[in-house]
C-alpha atoms as a PDB file:
ATOM      1  CA  UNK A   1       0.000   0.000   0.000  1.00  0.00           C
ATOM      2  CA  UNK A   2       1.323   3.429  -0.933  1.00  0.00           C
ATOM      3  CA  UNK A   3       0.982   6.074   1.786  1.00  0.00           C
ATOM      4  CA  UNK A   4       0.306   8.618  -0.983  1.00  0.00           C
ATOM      5  CA  UNK A   5      -2.920   6.745  -1.740  1.00  0.00           C
ATOM      6  CA  UNK A   6      -4.309   7.671   1.694  1.00  0.00           C
ATOM      7  CA  UNK A   7      -6.184  10.850   0.782  1.00  0.00           C
ATOM      8  CA  UNK A   8      -7.533  13.372   3.284  1.00  0.00           C
ATOM      9  CA  UNK A   9      -8.239  16.677   1.597  1.00  0.00           C
ATOM     10  CA  UNK A  10     -10.724  19.504   1.482  1.00  0.00           C
ATOM     11  CA  UNK A  11     -12.256  20.110  -1.926  1.00  0.00           C
ATOM     12  CA  UNK A  12     -12.375  23.242  -4.070  1.00  0.00           C
ATOM     13  CA  UNK A  13     -15.518  23.575  -6.194  1.00  0.00           C
ATOM     14  CA  UNK A  14     -15.598  25.316  -9.578  1.00  0.00           C
ATOM     15  CA  UNK A  15     -18.153  25.747 -12.335  1.00  0.00           C
ATOM     16  CA  UNK A  16     -18.044  27.048 -15.892  1.00  0.00           C
ATOM     17  CA  UNK A  17     -19.975  27.108 -19.130  1.00  0.00           C
ATOM     18  CA  UNK A  18     -20.165  23.662 -20.696  1.00  0.00           C
ATOM     19  CA  UNK A  19     -17.263  23.012 -23.047  1.00  0.00           C
ATOM     20  CA  UNK A  20     -14.773  25.199 -21.152  1.00  0.00           C
ATOM     21  CA  UNK A  21     -11.282  23.698 -21.162  1.00  0.00           C
ATOM     22  CA  UNK A  22     -10.328  21.858 -17.995  1.00  0.00           C
ATOM     23  CA  UNK A  23      -7.258  23.160 -16.184  1.00  0.00           C
ATOM     24  CA  UNK A  24      -4.041  21.870 -17.717  1.00  0.00           C
ATOM     25  CA  UNK A  25      -2.306  19.012 -15.917  1.00  0.00           C
ATOM     26  CA  UNK A  26       0.551  21.446 -15.211  1.00  0.00           C
ATOM     27  CA  UNK A  27      -1.683  23.742 -13.119  1.00  0.00           C
ATOM     28  CA  UNK A  28      -0.581  23.196  -9.537  1.00  0.00           C
ATOM     29  CA  UNK A  29      -2.996  22.135  -6.808  1.00  0.00           C
ATOM     30  CA  UNK A  30      -4.714  25.297  -5.626  1.00  0.00           C
ATOM     31  CA  UNK A  31      -3.823  27.114  -8.850  1.00  0.00           C
ATOM     32  CA  UNK A  32      -6.111  29.276 -10.954  1.00  0.00           C
ATOM     33  CA  UNK A  33      -8.613  27.594 -13.265  1.00  0.00           C
ATOM     34  CA  UNK A  34      -8.880  29.936 -16.250  1.00  0.00           C
ATOM     35  CA  UNK A  35     -12.495  30.760 -17.271  1.00  0.00           C
ATOM     36  CA  UNK A  36     -13.950  28.912 -14.255  1.00  0.00           C
ATOM     37  CA  UNK A  37     -15.676  30.416 -11.189  1.00  0.00           C
ATOM     38  CA  UNK A  38     -14.610  29.079  -7.805  1.00  0.00           C
ATOM     39  CA  UNK A  39     -17.226  28.763  -5.098  1.00  0.00           C
ATOM     40  CA  UNK A  40     -16.455  29.373  -1.436  1.00  0.00           C
ATOM     41  CA  UNK A  41     -15.804  27.107   1.492  1.00  0.00           C
ATOM     42  CA  UNK A  42     -17.845  24.043   2.425  1.00  0.00           C
ATOM     43  CA  UNK A  43     -19.154  22.841   5.783  1.00  0.00           C
ATOM     44  CA  UNK A  44     -19.622  19.191   4.805  1.00  0.00           C
ATOM     45  CA  UNK A  45     -17.346  16.799   2.930  1.00  0.00           C
ATOM     46  CA  UNK A  46     -17.935  16.392  -0.788  1.00  0.00           C
ATOM     47  CA  UNK A  47     -20.014  13.259  -1.400  1.00  0.00           C
ATOM     48  CA  UNK A  48     -19.815  11.518  -4.798  1.00  0.00           C
ATOM     49  CA  UNK A  49     -22.386   8.817  -5.591  1.00  0.00           C
ATOM     50  CA  UNK A  50     -22.043   6.829  -8.834  1.00  0.00           C
ATOM     51  CA  UNK A  51     -24.798   4.228  -9.230  1.00  0.00           C
ATOM     52  CA  UNK A  52     -25.141   1.758 -12.090  1.00  0.00           C
ATOM     53  CA  UNK A  53     -28.301  -0.304 -12.534  1.00  0.00           C
ATOM     54  CA  UNK A  54     -27.842  -3.602 -14.383  1.00  0.00           C
ATOM     55  CA  UNK A  55     -29.981  -5.832 -16.554  1.00  0.00           C
ATOM     56  CA  UNK A  56     -29.074  -9.438 -15.829  1.00  0.00           C
ATOM     57  CA  UNK A  57     -29.623 -12.371 -18.172  1.00  0.00           C
ATOM     58  CA  UNK A  58     -30.622 -15.559 -16.420  1.00  0.00           C
ATOM     59  CA  UNK A  59     -31.165 -19.154 -17.622  1.00  0.00           C
ATOM     60  CA  UNK A  60     -32.756 -22.159 -15.941  1.00  0.00           C
ATOM     61  CA  UNK A  61     -29.624 -24.285 -16.278  1.00  0.00           C
ATOM     62  CA  UNK A  62     -27.462 -22.038 -14.083  1.00  0.00           C
ATOM     63  CA  UNK A  63     -27.706 -20.505 -10.632  1.00  0.00           C
ATOM     64  CA  UNK A  64     -25.382 -17.734 -11.723  1.00  0.00           C
ATOM     65  CA  UNK A  65     -26.265 -14.742 -13.863  1.00  0.00           C
ATOM     66  CA  UNK A  66     -25.002 -15.542 -17.370  1.00  0.00           C
ATOM     67  CA  UNK A  67     -24.621 -12.001 -18.634  1.00  0.00           C
ATOM     68  CA  UNK A  68     -25.094  -8.465 -17.401  1.00  0.00           C
ATOM     69  CA  UNK A  69     -25.139  -5.041 -18.973  1.00  0.00           C
ATOM     70  CA  UNK A  70     -25.762  -1.528 -17.784  1.00  0.00           C
ATOM     71  CA  UNK A  71     -29.354  -0.309 -17.941  1.00  0.00           C
ATOM     72  CA  UNK A  72     -29.061   3.058 -16.237  1.00  0.00           C
ATOM     73  CA  UNK A  73     -26.456   5.057 -14.327  1.00  0.00           C
ATOM     74  CA  UNK A  74     -26.429   8.228 -12.291  1.00  0.00           C
ATOM     75  CA  UNK A  75     -23.709  10.450 -10.871  1.00  0.00           C
ATOM     76  CA  UNK A  76     -24.578  12.903  -8.111  1.00  0.00           C
ATOM     77  CA  UNK A  77     -22.362  15.088  -5.979  1.00  0.00           C
ATOM     78  CA  UNK A  78     -23.422  16.812  -2.766  1.00  0.00           C
ATOM     79  CA  UNK A  79     -21.997  19.232  -0.247  1.00  0.00           C
ATOM     80  CA  UNK A  80     -23.024  22.320   1.692  1.00  0.00           C
ATOM     81  CA  UNK A  81     -21.427  25.637   0.841  1.00  0.00           C
ATOM     82  CA  UNK A  82     -20.459  27.519   4.008  1.00  0.00           C
ATOM     83  CA  UNK A  83     -21.846  30.855   2.899  1.00  0.00           C
ATOM     84  CA  UNK A  84     -25.430  31.712   2.041  1.00  0.00           C
ATOM     85  CA  UNK A  85     -25.385  34.200  -0.823  1.00  0.00           C
ATOM     86  CA  UNK A  86     -28.118  34.804  -3.347  1.00  0.00           C
ATOM     87  CA  UNK A  87     -25.591  34.263  -6.161  1.00  0.00           C
ATOM     88  CA  UNK A  88     -24.876  30.755  -4.829  1.00  0.00           C
ATOM     89  CA  UNK A  89     -28.546  30.131  -4.187  1.00  0.00           C
ATOM     90  CA  UNK A  90     -29.236  30.985  -7.845  1.00  0.00           C
ATOM     91  CA  UNK A  91     -27.017  28.041  -8.866  1.00  0.00           C
ATOM     92  CA  UNK A  92     -29.247  25.649  -6.916  1.00  0.00           C
ATOM     93  CA  UNK A  93     -32.671  27.267  -7.272  1.00  0.00           C
ATOM     94  CA  UNK A  94     -32.270  28.781 -10.725  1.00  0.00           C
ATOM     95  CA  UNK A  95     -33.783  32.158 -11.401  1.00  0.00           C
ATOM     96  CA  UNK A  96     -32.138  35.495 -12.039  1.00  0.00           C
ATOM     97  CA  UNK A  97     -29.747  37.119  -9.586  1.00  0.00           C
ATOM     98  CA  UNK A  98     -29.164  40.868  -9.615  1.00  0.00           C
ATOM     99  CA  UNK A  99     -27.438  43.477  -7.473  1.00  0.00           C
ATOM    100  CA  UNK A 100     -28.423  47.106  -6.958  1.00  0.00           C
ATOM    101  CA  UNK A 101     -25.872  49.633  -5.702  1.00  0.00           C
ATOM    102  CA  UNK A 102     -26.763  52.101  -2.965  1.00  0.00           C
ATOM    103  CA  UNK A 103     -28.006  55.454  -4.211  1.00  0.00           C
ATOM    104  CA  UNK A 104     -30.238  58.342  -3.229  1.00  0.00           C
ATOM    105  CA  UNK A 105     -33.233  56.805  -1.393  1.00  0.00           C
ATOM    106  CA  UNK A 106     -32.015  53.365  -2.522  1.00  0.00           C
ATOM    107  CA  UNK A 107     -30.294  50.881  -0.206  1.00  0.00           C
ATOM    108  CA  UNK A 108     -27.890  48.396  -1.780  1.00  0.00           C
ATOM    109  CA  UNK A 109     -29.529  45.019  -2.303  1.00  0.00           C
ATOM    110  CA  UNK A 110     -29.172  41.565  -3.808  1.00  0.00           C
ATOM    111  CA  UNK A 111     -32.287  40.064  -5.399  1.00  0.00           C
ATOM    112  CA  UNK A 112     -33.048  36.556  -6.653  1.00  0.00           C
ATOM    113  CA  UNK A 113     -36.289  36.030  -8.566  1.00  0.00           C
ATOM    114  CA  UNK A 114     -37.409  32.753 -10.061  1.00  0.00           C
ATOM    115  CA  UNK A 115     -39.775  29.849 -10.134  1.00  0.00           C
ATOM    116  CA  UNK A 116     -42.006  28.084 -12.665  1.00  0.00           C
ATOM    117  CA  UNK A 117     -39.236  27.671 -15.249  1.00  0.00           C
ATOM    118  CA  UNK A 118     -39.284  24.492 -17.354  1.00  0.00           C
ATOM    119  CA  UNK A 119     -35.586  24.473 -18.161  1.00  0.00           C
ATOM    120  CA  UNK A 120     -32.651  24.205 -15.794  1.00  0.00           C
ATOM    121  CA  UNK A 121     -29.220  25.571 -16.647  1.00  0.00           C
ATOM    122  CA  UNK A 122     -26.498  23.060 -17.459  1.00  0.00           C
ATOM    123  CA  UNK A 123     -22.995  23.911 -16.356  1.00  0.00           C
ATOM    124  CA  UNK A 124     -19.671  22.143 -16.247  1.00  0.00           C
ATOM    125  CA  UNK A 125     -18.471  21.403 -12.721  1.00  0.00           C
ATOM    126  CA  UNK A 126     -14.973  20.775 -11.389  1.00  0.00           C
ATOM    127  CA  UNK A 127     -13.761  19.538  -8.020  1.00  0.00           C
ATOM    128  CA  UNK A 128     -10.162  19.581  -6.801  1.00  0.00           C
ATOM    129  CA  UNK A 129      -8.429  18.035  -3.834  1.00  0.00           C
ATOM    130  CA  UNK A 130      -4.720  17.470  -3.287  1.00  0.00           C
ATOM    131  CA  UNK A 131      -2.331  15.023  -1.703  1.00  0.00           C
ATOM    132  CA  UNK A 132       1.392  14.727  -0.944  1.00  0.00           C
ATOM    133  CA  UNK A 133       3.227  12.049  -2.935  1.00  0.00           C
ATOM    134  CA  UNK A 134       5.907   9.718  -1.537  1.00  0.00           C
ATOM    135  CA  UNK A 135       8.467  12.119  -3.077  1.00  0.00           C
ATOM    136  CA  UNK A 136       7.034  14.963  -0.973  1.00  0.00           C
ATOM    137  CA  UNK A 137       5.343  16.813  -3.856  1.00  0.00           C
ATOM    138  CA  UNK A 138       1.795  18.157  -3.612  1.00  0.00           C
ATOM    139  CA  UNK A 139      -0.352  17.067  -6.555  1.00  0.00           C
ATOM    140  CA  UNK A 140      -3.992  17.693  -7.502  1.00  0.00           C
ATOM    141  CA  UNK A 141      -6.825  15.232  -7.906  1.00  0.00           C
ATOM    142  CA  UNK A 142      -9.489  16.673 -10.229  1.00  0.00           C
ATOM    143  CA  UNK A 143     -12.989  15.496 -11.073  1.00  0.00           C
ATOM    144  CA  UNK A 144     -14.656  17.213 -14.050  1.00  0.00           C
ATOM    145  CA  UNK A 145     -18.368  16.709 -14.743  1.00  0.00           C
ATOM    146  CA  UNK A 146     -18.902  17.819 -18.345  1.00  0.00           C
ATOM    147  CA  UNK A 147     -22.594  18.688 -18.072  1.00  0.00           C
ATOM    148  CA  UNK A 148     -24.726  18.838 -14.962  1.00  0.00           C
ATOM    149  CA  UNK A 149     -27.643  20.560 -13.354  1.00  0.00           C
ATOM    150  CA  UNK A 150     -27.395  21.977  -9.862  1.00  0.00           C
ATOM    151  CA  UNK A 151     -30.262  21.662  -7.468  1.00  0.00           C
ATOM    152  CA  UNK A 152     -30.928  22.382  -3.849  1.00  0.00           C
ATOM    153  CA  UNK A 153     -29.540  19.479  -1.827  1.00  0.00           C
ATOM    154  CA  UNK A 154     -31.587  19.841   1.366  1.00  0.00           C
ATOM    155  CA  UNK A 155     -33.793  22.241   3.270  1.00  0.00           C
ATOM    156  CA  UNK A 156     -32.526  25.737   3.949  1.00  0.00           C
ATOM    157  CA  UNK A 157     -32.242  25.915   7.736  1.00  0.00           C
ATOM    158  CA  UNK A 158     -31.827  28.923  10.007  1.00  0.00           C
ATOM    159  CA  UNK A 159     -31.010  28.431  13.683  1.00  0.00           C
ATOM    160  CA  UNK A 160     -29.126  29.922  16.604  1.00  0.00           C
ATOM    161  CA  UNK A 161     -26.550  27.119  16.838  1.00  0.00           C
ATOM    162  CA  UNK A 162     -25.408  26.598  13.248  1.00  0.00           C
ATOM    163  CA  UNK A 163     -24.550  28.921  10.413  1.00  0.00           C
ATOM    164  CA  UNK A 164     -26.834  28.746   7.399  1.00  0.00           C
ATOM    165  CA  UNK A 165     -25.139  27.355   4.328  1.00  0.00           C
ATOM    166  CA  UNK A 166     -26.254  26.500   0.804  1.00  0.00           C
ATOM    167  CA  UNK A 167     -26.945  22.765   0.329  1.00  0.00           C
ATOM    168  CA  UNK A 168     -25.834  21.946  -3.208  1.00  0.00           C
ATOM    169  CA  UNK A 169     -26.522  18.818  -5.241  1.00  0.00           C
ATOM    170  CA  UNK A 170     -25.011  18.322  -8.709  1.00  0.00           C
ATOM    171  CA  UNK A 171     -26.703  15.826 -11.054  1.00  0.00           C
ATOM    172  CA  UNK A 172     -24.610  14.774 -14.068  1.00  0.00           C
ATOM    173  CA  UNK A 173     -26.022  14.633 -17.595  1.00  0.00           C
ATOM    174  CA  UNK A 174     -24.242  12.940 -20.497  1.00  0.00           C
ATOM    175  CA  UNK A 175     -22.253  14.970 -22.991  1.00  0.00           C
ATOM    176  CA  UNK A 176     -23.569  13.282 -26.118  1.00  0.00           C
ATOM    177  CA  UNK A 177     -20.839  14.858 -28.272  1.00  0.00           C
ATOM    178  CA  UNK A 178     -18.378  12.409 -26.667  1.00  0.00           C
ATOM    179  CA  UNK A 179     -18.061   8.694 -27.384  1.00  0.00           C
ATOM    180  CA  UNK A 180     -20.035   6.213 -25.273  1.00  0.00           C
ATOM    181  CA  UNK A 181     -18.096   5.405 -22.118  1.00  0.00           C
ATOM    182  CA  UNK A 182     -16.586   8.920 -21.982  1.00  0.00           C
ATOM    183  CA  UNK A 183     -19.675  11.096 -21.565  1.00  0.00           C
ATOM    184  CA  UNK A 184     -20.094  11.809 -17.838  1.00  0.00           C
ATOM    185  CA  UNK A 185     -16.821  12.628 -16.143  1.00  0.00           C
ATOM    186  CA  UNK A 186     -13.043  12.781 -16.106  1.00  0.00           C
ATOM    187  CA  UNK A 187     -11.128  11.958 -12.916  1.00  0.00           C
ATOM    188  CA  UNK A 188      -7.412  12.798 -12.935  1.00  0.00           C
ATOM    189  CA  UNK A 189      -4.809  12.158 -10.237  1.00  0.00           C
ATOM    190  CA  UNK A 190      -1.431  13.733 -11.048  1.00  0.00           C
ATOM    191  CA  UNK A 191       1.222  11.314  -9.785  1.00  0.00           C
ATOM    192  CA  UNK A 192       4.514  13.100 -10.565  1.00  0.00           C
ATOM    193  CA  UNK A 193       5.605  16.513 -11.840  1.00  0.00           C
ATOM    194  CA  UNK A 194       6.503  17.063 -15.488  1.00  0.00           C
ATOM    195  CA  UNK A 195      10.080  16.008 -16.257  1.00  0.00           C
ATOM    196  CA  UNK A 196      11.033  19.354 -17.816  1.00  0.00           C
END
């Protein structure tokens, strides 16, 4: 067992328009993702759930399934963002977010309006953690979801004991422009720095 395979890391969350280039493998852990927006801190670990439902072929002459194939799969990611901002809430609830600057007889305000919209926005989502290799180098681990819809992950709760965050749930959709078997995600673990 390699000690470098024991991973304990917080996760940075990014989103972009679908089709935006993923960060290059040479971008260091914690580096800037060009043309992506980074969200804030999280209060819960990032949870990734990949489920595949199978169709199994069965015959009377065997107790064992003879053949299986995938029937359906789903990839969902959940966490709670530490802050509660209307801009972040717009990612999960949809709608239109706007800001008004303070002026004469006008207080500054953030406004989110929405509801009763048939279509949800698809975005590309990226998640980055890091680890220290056996050689002592810090490397990124990156998960890119090519197309996904964000939705509210849980109830919005206000209380005197806990800060109110934004529960976020990401539901992956296939990128049908890619070949079968390559349509949902890319998971990359950099294992050594470039040689030159």
